[in-house]
Amino acid sequence: MVNLSKIVRQADVLLDLMGVAVGSMLLVVGIETYRGDGSVGWPIAGSVLFLINLWVAGRRFARRRRPTPSP
C-alpha cells in the first residue's frame, strides 16, 4: 500500500530545497546580467527570491528539529 501522506511530505521538503536552488541560480544569473550592463533589478529580484526561499526552508527544518511537546 502506498503511503500518500509520506510522499506528499517528502515532495514538500524537496520543493522547499529546490526553491533555494532556483533562487541562488537566479541571483547568479542576475549578477552576471548586471555586470554585462543589464538592469539592477535582476540581482535584486534574485536576492529577494533567494532570501525568501532560504527563510521558508529554514523554518521547515527548524520546525522538524523541535521536539513535540508531551502532554
PDB file of N, CA and C in Angstrom:
ATOM      1  N   MET A   1       0.836  -1.174   0.000  1.00  0.00           N
ATOM      2  CA  MET A   1       0.000   0.000   0.000  1.00  0.00           C
ATOM      3  C   MET A   1       0.887   1.246   0.000  1.00  0.00           C
ATOM      4  N   VAL A   2       0.510   2.221  -0.742  1.00  0.00           N
ATOM      5  CA  VAL A   2       1.277   3.456  -0.867  1.00  0.00           C
ATOM      6  C   VAL A   2       0.830   4.433   0.215  1.00  0.00           C
ATOM      7  N   ASN A   3       1.822   4.943   0.958  1.00  0.00           N
ATOM      8  CA  ASN A   3       1.533   5.925   1.984  1.00  0.00           C
ATOM      9  C   ASN A   3       1.609   7.316   1.354  1.00  0.00           C
ATOM     10  N   LEU A   4       0.458   7.851   0.971  1.00  0.00           N
ATOM     11  CA  LEU A   4       0.394   9.102   0.231  1.00  0.00           C
ATOM     12  C   LEU A   4       0.868  10.290   1.065  1.00  0.00           C
ATOM     13  N   SER A   5       0.586  10.290   2.355  1.00  0.00           N
ATOM     14  CA  SER A   5       0.991  11.428   3.184  1.00  0.00           C
ATOM     15  C   SER A   5       2.520  11.522   3.281  1.00  0.00           C
ATOM     16  N   LYS A   6       3.199  10.380   3.304  1.00  0.00           N
ATOM     17  CA  LYS A   6       4.660  10.395   3.348  1.00  0.00           C
ATOM     18  C   LYS A   6       5.233  10.933   2.039  1.00  0.00           C
ATOM     19  N   ILE A   7       4.647  10.550   0.923  1.00  0.00           N
ATOM     20  CA  ILE A   7       5.106  11.027  -0.379  1.00  0.00           C
ATOM     21  C   ILE A   7       4.893  12.529  -0.510  1.00  0.00           C
ATOM     22  N   VAL A   8       3.748  13.013  -0.057  1.00  0.00           N
ATOM     23  CA  VAL A   8       3.458  14.444  -0.124  1.00  0.00           C
ATOM     24  C   VAL A   8       4.411  15.220   0.778  1.00  0.00           C
ATOM     25  N   ARG A   9       4.711  14.706   1.947  1.00  0.00           N
ATOM     26  CA  ARG A   9       5.638  15.365   2.872  1.00  0.00           C
ATOM     27  C   ARG A   9       7.036  15.445   2.267  1.00  0.00           C
ATOM     28  N   GLN A  10       7.487  14.369   1.653  1.00  0.00           N
ATOM     29  CA  GLN A  10       8.811  14.370   1.026  1.00  0.00           C
ATOM     30  C   GLN A  10       8.858  15.302  -0.183  1.00  0.00           C
ATOM     31  N   ALA A  11       7.784  15.355  -0.942  1.00  0.00           N
ATOM     32  CA  ALA A  11       7.725  16.268  -2.087  1.00  0.00           C
ATOM     33  C   ALA A  11       7.743  17.719  -1.619  1.00  0.00           C
ATOM     34  N   ASP A  12       7.093  17.992  -0.503  1.00  0.00           N
ATOM     35  CA  ASP A  12       7.075  19.340   0.044  1.00  0.00           C
ATOM     36  C   ASP A  12       8.470  19.779   0.478  1.00  0.00           C
ATOM     37  N   VAL A  13       9.206  18.884   1.110  1.00  0.00           N
ATOM     38  CA  VAL A  13      10.581  19.196   1.509  1.00  0.00           C
ATOM     39  C   VAL A  13      11.453  19.402   0.276  1.00  0.00           C
ATOM     40  N   LEU A  14      11.289  18.559  -0.721  1.00  0.00           N
ATOM     41  CA  LEU A  14      12.060  18.688  -1.957  1.00  0.00           C
ATOM     42  C   LEU A  14      11.792  20.024  -2.642  1.00  0.00           C
ATOM     43  N   LEU A  15      10.532  20.443  -2.680  1.00  0.00           N
ATOM     44  CA  LEU A  15      10.197  21.714  -3.306  1.00  0.00           C
ATOM     45  C   LEU A  15      10.768  22.896  -2.527  1.00  0.00           C
ATOM     46  N   ASP A  16      10.820  22.797  -1.205  1.00  0.00           N
ATOM     47  CA  ASP A  16      11.445  23.853  -0.407  1.00  0.00           C
ATOM     48  C   ASP A  16      12.927  23.975  -0.737  1.00  0.00           C
ATOM     49  N   LEU A  17      13.604  22.853  -0.862  1.00  0.00           N
ATOM     50  CA  LEU A  17      15.030  22.888  -1.196  1.00  0.00           C
ATOM     51  C   LEU A  17      15.262  23.342  -2.628  1.00  0.00           C
ATOM     52  N   MET A  18      14.386  22.970  -3.530  1.00  0.00           N
ATOM     53  CA  MET A  18      14.519  23.408  -4.923  1.00  0.00           C
ATOM     54  C   MET A  18      14.297  24.908  -5.044  1.00  0.00           C
ATOM     55  N   GLY A  19      13.461  25.470  -4.188  1.00  0.00           N
ATOM     56  CA  GLY A  19      13.256  26.913  -4.197  1.00  0.00           C
ATOM     57  C   GLY A  19      14.538  27.656  -3.875  1.00  0.00           C
ATOM     58  N   VAL A  20      15.308  27.143  -2.923  1.00  0.00           N
ATOM     59  CA  VAL A  20      16.594  27.758  -2.584  1.00  0.00           C
ATOM     60  C   VAL A  20      17.552  27.637  -3.767  1.00  0.00           C
ATOM     61  N   ALA A  21      17.549  26.495  -4.424  1.00  0.00           N
ATOM     62  CA  ALA A  21      18.432  26.305  -5.579  1.00  0.00           C
ATOM     63  C   ALA A  21      18.051  27.235  -6.724  1.00  0.00           C
ATOM     64  N   VAL A  22      16.771  27.369  -7.006  1.00  0.00           N
ATOM     65  CA  VAL A  22      16.320  28.255  -8.082  1.00  0.00           C
ATOM     66  C   VAL A  22      16.624  29.710  -7.732  1.00  0.00           C
ATOM     67  N   GLY A  23      16.428  30.091  -6.480  1.00  0.00           N
ATOM     68  CA  GLY A  23      16.736  31.456  -6.059  1.00  0.00           C
ATOM     69  C   GLY A  23      18.212  31.778  -6.199  1.00  0.00           C
ATOM     70  N   SER A  24      19.062  30.824  -5.842  1.00  0.00           N
ATOM     71  CA  SER A  24      20.503  31.070  -5.970  1.00  0.00           C
ATOM     72  C   SER A  24      20.922  31.139  -7.439  1.00  0.00           C
ATOM     73  N   MET A  25      20.312  30.316  -8.301  1.00  0.00           N
ATOM     74  CA  MET A  25      20.637  30.394  -9.724  1.00  0.00           C
ATOM     75  C   MET A  25      20.188  31.725 -10.319  1.00  0.00           C
ATOM     76  N   LEU A  26      19.014  32.208  -9.915  1.00  0.00           N
ATOM     77  CA  LEU A  26      18.546  33.496 -10.405  1.00  0.00           C
ATOM     78  C   LEU A  26      19.442  34.623  -9.908  1.00  0.00           C
ATOM     79  N   LEU A  27      19.945  34.506  -8.694  1.00  0.00           N
ATOM     80  CA  LEU A  27      20.866  35.514  -8.172  1.00  0.00           C
ATOM     81  C   LEU A  27      22.160  35.542  -8.978  1.00  0.00           C
ATOM     82  N   VAL A  28      22.700  34.382  -9.288  1.00  0.00           N
ATOM     83  CA  VAL A  28      23.934  34.315 -10.081  1.00  0.00           C
ATOM     84  C   VAL A  28      23.713  34.873 -11.482  1.00  0.00           C
ATOM     85  N   VAL A  29      22.628  34.491 -12.117  1.00  0.00           N
ATOM     86  CA  VAL A  29      22.330  34.993 -13.457  1.00  0.00           C
ATOM     87  C   VAL A  29      22.080  36.504 -13.410  1.00  0.00           C
ATOM     88  N   GLY A  30      21.425  36.975 -12.363  1.00  0.00           N
ATOM     89  CA  GLY A  30      21.176  38.403 -12.223  1.00  0.00           C
ATOM     90  C   GLY A  30      22.452  39.201 -12.059  1.00  0.00           C
ATOM     91  N   ILE A  31      23.395  38.673 -11.293  1.00  0.00           N
ATOM     92  CA  ILE A  31      24.680  39.358 -11.123  1.00  0.00           C
ATOM     93  C   ILE A  31      25.450  39.380 -12.437  1.00  0.00           C
ATOM     94  N   GLU A  32      25.442  38.262 -13.160  1.00  0.00           N
ATOM     95  CA  GLU A  32      26.122  38.226 -14.457  1.00  0.00           C
ATOM     96  C   GLU A  32      25.467  39.186 -15.453  1.00  0.00           C
ATOM     97  N   THR A  33      24.147  39.266 -15.432  1.00  0.00           N
ATOM     98  CA  THR A  33      23.445  40.188 -16.314  1.00  0.00           C
ATOM     99  C   THR A  33      23.772  41.626 -15.955  1.00  0.00           C
ATOM    100  N   TYR A  34      23.824  41.926 -14.669  1.00  0.00           N
ATOM    101  CA  TYR A  34      24.137  43.288 -14.238  1.00  0.00           C
ATOM    102  C   TYR A  34      25.569  43.677 -14.616  1.00  0.00           C
ATOM    103  N   ARG A  35      26.482  42.737 -14.498  1.00  0.00           N
ATOM    104  CA  ARG A  35      27.870  43.019 -14.895  1.00  0.00           C
ATOM    105  C   ARG A  35      27.989  43.246 -16.395  1.00  0.00           C
ATOM    106  N   GLY A  36      27.107  42.667 -17.169  1.00  0.00           N
ATOM    107  CA  GLY A  36      27.110  42.848 -18.614  1.00  0.00           C
ATOM    108  C   GLY A  36      26.221  44.011 -19.037  1.00  0.00           C
ATOM    109  N   ASP A  37      26.153  45.045 -18.234  1.00  0.00           N
ATOM    110  CA  ASP A  37      25.361  46.259 -18.494  1.00  0.00           C
ATOM    111  C   ASP A  37      23.863  45.987 -18.536  1.00  0.00           C
ATOM    112  N   GLY A  38      23.407  45.119 -17.654  1.00  0.00           N
ATOM    113  CA  GLY A  38      21.982  44.839 -17.551  1.00  0.00           C
ATOM    114  C   GLY A  38      21.347  45.655 -16.443  1.00  0.00           C
ATOM    115  N   SER A  39      20.108  45.385 -16.191  1.00  0.00           N
ATOM    116  CA  SER A  39      19.344  46.096 -15.179  1.00  0.00           C
ATOM    117  C   SER A  39      19.739  45.636 -13.773  1.00  0.00           C
ATOM    118  N   VAL A  40      19.698  46.561 -12.822  1.00  0.00           N
ATOM    119  CA  VAL A  40      19.999  46.234 -11.433  1.00  0.00           C
ATOM    120  C   VAL A  40      18.842  45.451 -10.793  1.00  0.00           C
ATOM    121  N   GLY A  41      17.716  45.418 -11.481  1.00  0.00           N
ATOM    122  CA  GLY A  41      16.558  44.703 -10.950  1.00  0.00           C
ATOM    123  C   GLY A  41      16.752  43.199 -10.873  1.00  0.00           C
ATOM    124  N   TRP A  42      17.565  42.631 -11.781  1.00  0.00           N
ATOM    125  CA  TRP A  42      17.789  41.184 -11.769  1.00  0.00           C
ATOM    126  C   TRP A  42      18.498  40.704 -10.508  1.00  0.00           C
ATOM    127  N   PRO A  43      19.607  41.332 -10.096  1.00  0.00           N
ATOM    128  CA  PRO A  43      20.225  40.866  -8.853  1.00  0.00           C
ATOM    129  C   PRO A  43      19.353  41.118  -7.625  1.00  0.00           C
ATOM    130  N   ILE A  44      18.578  42.203  -7.652  1.00  0.00           N
ATOM    131  CA  ILE A  44      17.685  42.478  -6.518  1.00  0.00           C
ATOM    132  C   ILE A  44      16.598  41.409  -6.445  1.00  0.00           C
ATOM    133  N   ALA A  45      15.989  41.089  -7.596  1.00  0.00           N
ATOM    134  CA  ALA A  45      14.949  40.050  -7.616  1.00  0.00           C
ATOM    135  C   ALA A  45      15.521  38.694  -7.218  1.00  0.00           C
ATOM    136  N   GLY A  46      16.724  38.390  -7.691  1.00  0.00           N
ATOM    137  CA  GLY A  46      17.352  37.115  -7.336  1.00  0.00           C
ATOM    138  C   GLY A  46      17.657  37.023  -5.861  1.00  0.00           C
ATOM    139  N   SER A  47      18.140  38.121  -5.259  1.00  0.00           N
ATOM    140  CA  SER A  47      18.455  38.077  -3.833  1.00  0.00           C
ATOM    141  C   SER A  47      17.197  37.989  -2.993  1.00  0.00           C
ATOM    142  N   VAL A  48      16.135  38.693  -3.408  1.00  0.00           N
ATOM    143  CA  VAL A  48      14.869  38.616  -2.663  1.00  0.00           C
ATOM    144  C   VAL A  48      14.303  37.205  -2.731  1.00  0.00           C
ATOM    145  N   LEU A  49      14.284  36.619  -3.914  1.00  0.00           N
ATOM    146  CA  LEU A  49      13.764  35.256  -4.067  1.00  0.00           C
ATOM    147  C   LEU A  49      14.604  34.253  -3.283  1.00  0.00           C
ATOM    148  N   PHE A  50      15.920  34.402  -3.329  1.00  0.00           N
ATOM    149  CA  PHE A  50      16.807  33.505  -2.591  1.00  0.00           C
ATOM    150  C   PHE A  50      16.576  33.616  -1.089  1.00  0.00           C
ATOM    151  N   LEU A  51      16.492  34.836  -0.568  1.00  0.00           N
ATOM    152  CA  LEU A  51      16.316  35.014   0.879  1.00  0.00           C
ATOM    153  C   LEU A  51      14.959  34.508   1.360  1.00  0.00           C
ATOM    154  N   ILE A  52      13.916  34.736   0.579  1.00  0.00           N
ATOM    155  CA  ILE A  52      12.591  34.237   0.971  1.00  0.00           C
ATOM    156  C   ILE A  52      12.577  32.715   0.992  1.00  0.00           C
ATOM    157  N   ASN A  53      13.126  32.084  -0.038  1.00  0.00           N
ATOM    158  CA  ASN A  53      13.150  30.622  -0.075  1.00  0.00           C
ATOM    159  C   ASN A  53      14.050  30.044   1.001  1.00  0.00           C
ATOM    160  N   LEU A  54      15.148  30.724   1.313  1.00  0.00           N
ATOM    161  CA  LEU A  54      16.018  30.277   2.397  1.00  0.00           C
ATOM    162  C   LEU A  54      15.296  30.377   3.736  1.00  0.00           C
ATOM    163  N   TRP A  55      14.530  31.430   3.924  1.00  0.00           N
ATOM    164  CA  TRP A  55      13.762  31.602   5.159  1.00  0.00           C
ATOM    165  C   TRP A  55      12.705  30.500   5.296  1.00  0.00           C
ATOM    166  N   VAL A  56      12.009  30.185   4.198  1.00  0.00           N
ATOM    167  CA  VAL A  56      10.982  29.135   4.225  1.00  0.00           C
ATOM    168  C   VAL A  56      11.607  27.783   4.551  1.00  0.00           C
ATOM    169  N   ALA A  57      12.723  27.456   3.911  1.00  0.00           N
ATOM    170  CA  ALA A  57      13.387  26.172   4.166  1.00  0.00           C
ATOM    171  C   ALA A  57      13.936  26.133   5.593  1.00  0.00           C
ATOM    172  N   GLY A  58      14.472  27.244   6.065  1.00  0.00           N
ATOM    173  CA  GLY A  58      14.977  27.289   7.445  1.00  0.00           C
ATOM    174  C   GLY A  58      13.875  27.078   8.469  1.00  0.00           C
ATOM    175  N   ARG A  59      12.717  27.677   8.226  1.00  0.00           N
ATOM    176  CA  ARG A  59      11.582  27.467   9.142  1.00  0.00           C
ATOM    177  C   ARG A  59      11.148  26.012   9.163  1.00  0.00           C
ATOM    178  N   ARG A  60      11.136  25.390   7.978  1.00  0.00           N
ATOM    179  CA  ARG A  60      10.711  23.989   7.911  1.00  0.00           C
ATOM    180  C   ARG A  60      11.656  23.093   8.699  1.00  0.00           C
ATOM    181  N   PHE A  61      12.972  23.282   8.513  1.00  0.00           N
ATOM    182  CA  PHE A  61      13.916  22.411   9.196  1.00  0.00           C
ATOM    183  C   PHE A  61      14.002  22.721  10.680  1.00  0.00           C
ATOM    184  N   ALA A  62      13.778  23.963  11.072  1.00  0.00           N
ATOM    185  CA  ALA A  62      13.734  24.296  12.498  1.00  0.00           C
ATOM    186  C   ALA A  62      12.517  23.653  13.150  1.00  0.00           C
ATOM    187  N   ARG A  63      11.410  23.624  12.447  1.00  0.00           N
ATOM    188  CA  ARG A  63      10.196  23.007  12.975  1.00  0.00           C
ATOM    189  C   ARG A  63      10.363  21.495  13.098  1.00  0.00           C
ATOM    190  N   ARG A  64      11.115  20.881  12.185  1.00  0.00           N
ATOM    191  CA  ARG A  64      11.323  19.426  12.257  1.00  0.00           C
ATOM    192  C   ARG A  64      12.289  19.050  13.362  1.00  0.00           C
ATOM    193  N   ARG A  65      13.235  19.950  13.688  1.00  0.00           N
ATOM    194  CA  ARG A  65      14.207  19.666  14.753  1.00  0.00           C
ATOM    195  C   ARG A  65      13.575  19.758  16.127  1.00  0.00           C
ATOM    196  N   ARG A  66      12.602  20.659  16.279  1.00  0.00           N
ATOM    197  CA  ARG A  66      11.982  20.894  17.567  1.00  0.00           C
ATOM    198  C   ARG A  66      11.217  19.643  18.024  1.00  0.00           C
ATOM    199  N   PRO A  67      11.448  19.189  19.231  1.00  0.00           N
ATOM    200  CA  PRO A  67      10.701  18.004  19.708  1.00  0.00           C
ATOM    201  C   PRO A  67       9.239  18.350  19.962  1.00  0.00           C
ATOM    202  N   THR A  68       8.393  17.368  19.770  1.00  0.00           N
ATOM    203  CA  THR A  68       6.972  17.582  20.008  1.00  0.00           C
ATOM    204  C   THR A  68       6.724  17.649  21.509  1.00  0.00           C
ATOM    205  N   PRO A  69       5.893  18.588  21.948  1.00  0.00           N
ATOM    206  CA  PRO A  69       5.627  18.703  23.393  1.00  0.00           C
ATOM    207  C   PRO A  69       4.796  17.523  23.870  1.00  0.00           C
ATOM    208  N   SER A  70       5.132  17.034  25.043  1.00  0.00           N
ATOM    209  CA  SER A  70       4.378  15.928  25.617  1.00  0.00           C
ATOM    210  C   SER A  70       3.346  16.481  26.595  1.00  0.00           C
ATOM    211  N   PRO A  71       2.127  15.922  26.572  1.00  0.00           N
ATOM    212  CA  PRO A  71       1.072  16.436  27.465  1.00  0.00           C
ATOM    213  C   PRO A  71       1.274  16.085  28.917  1.00  0.00           C
TER     214      PRO A  71
END
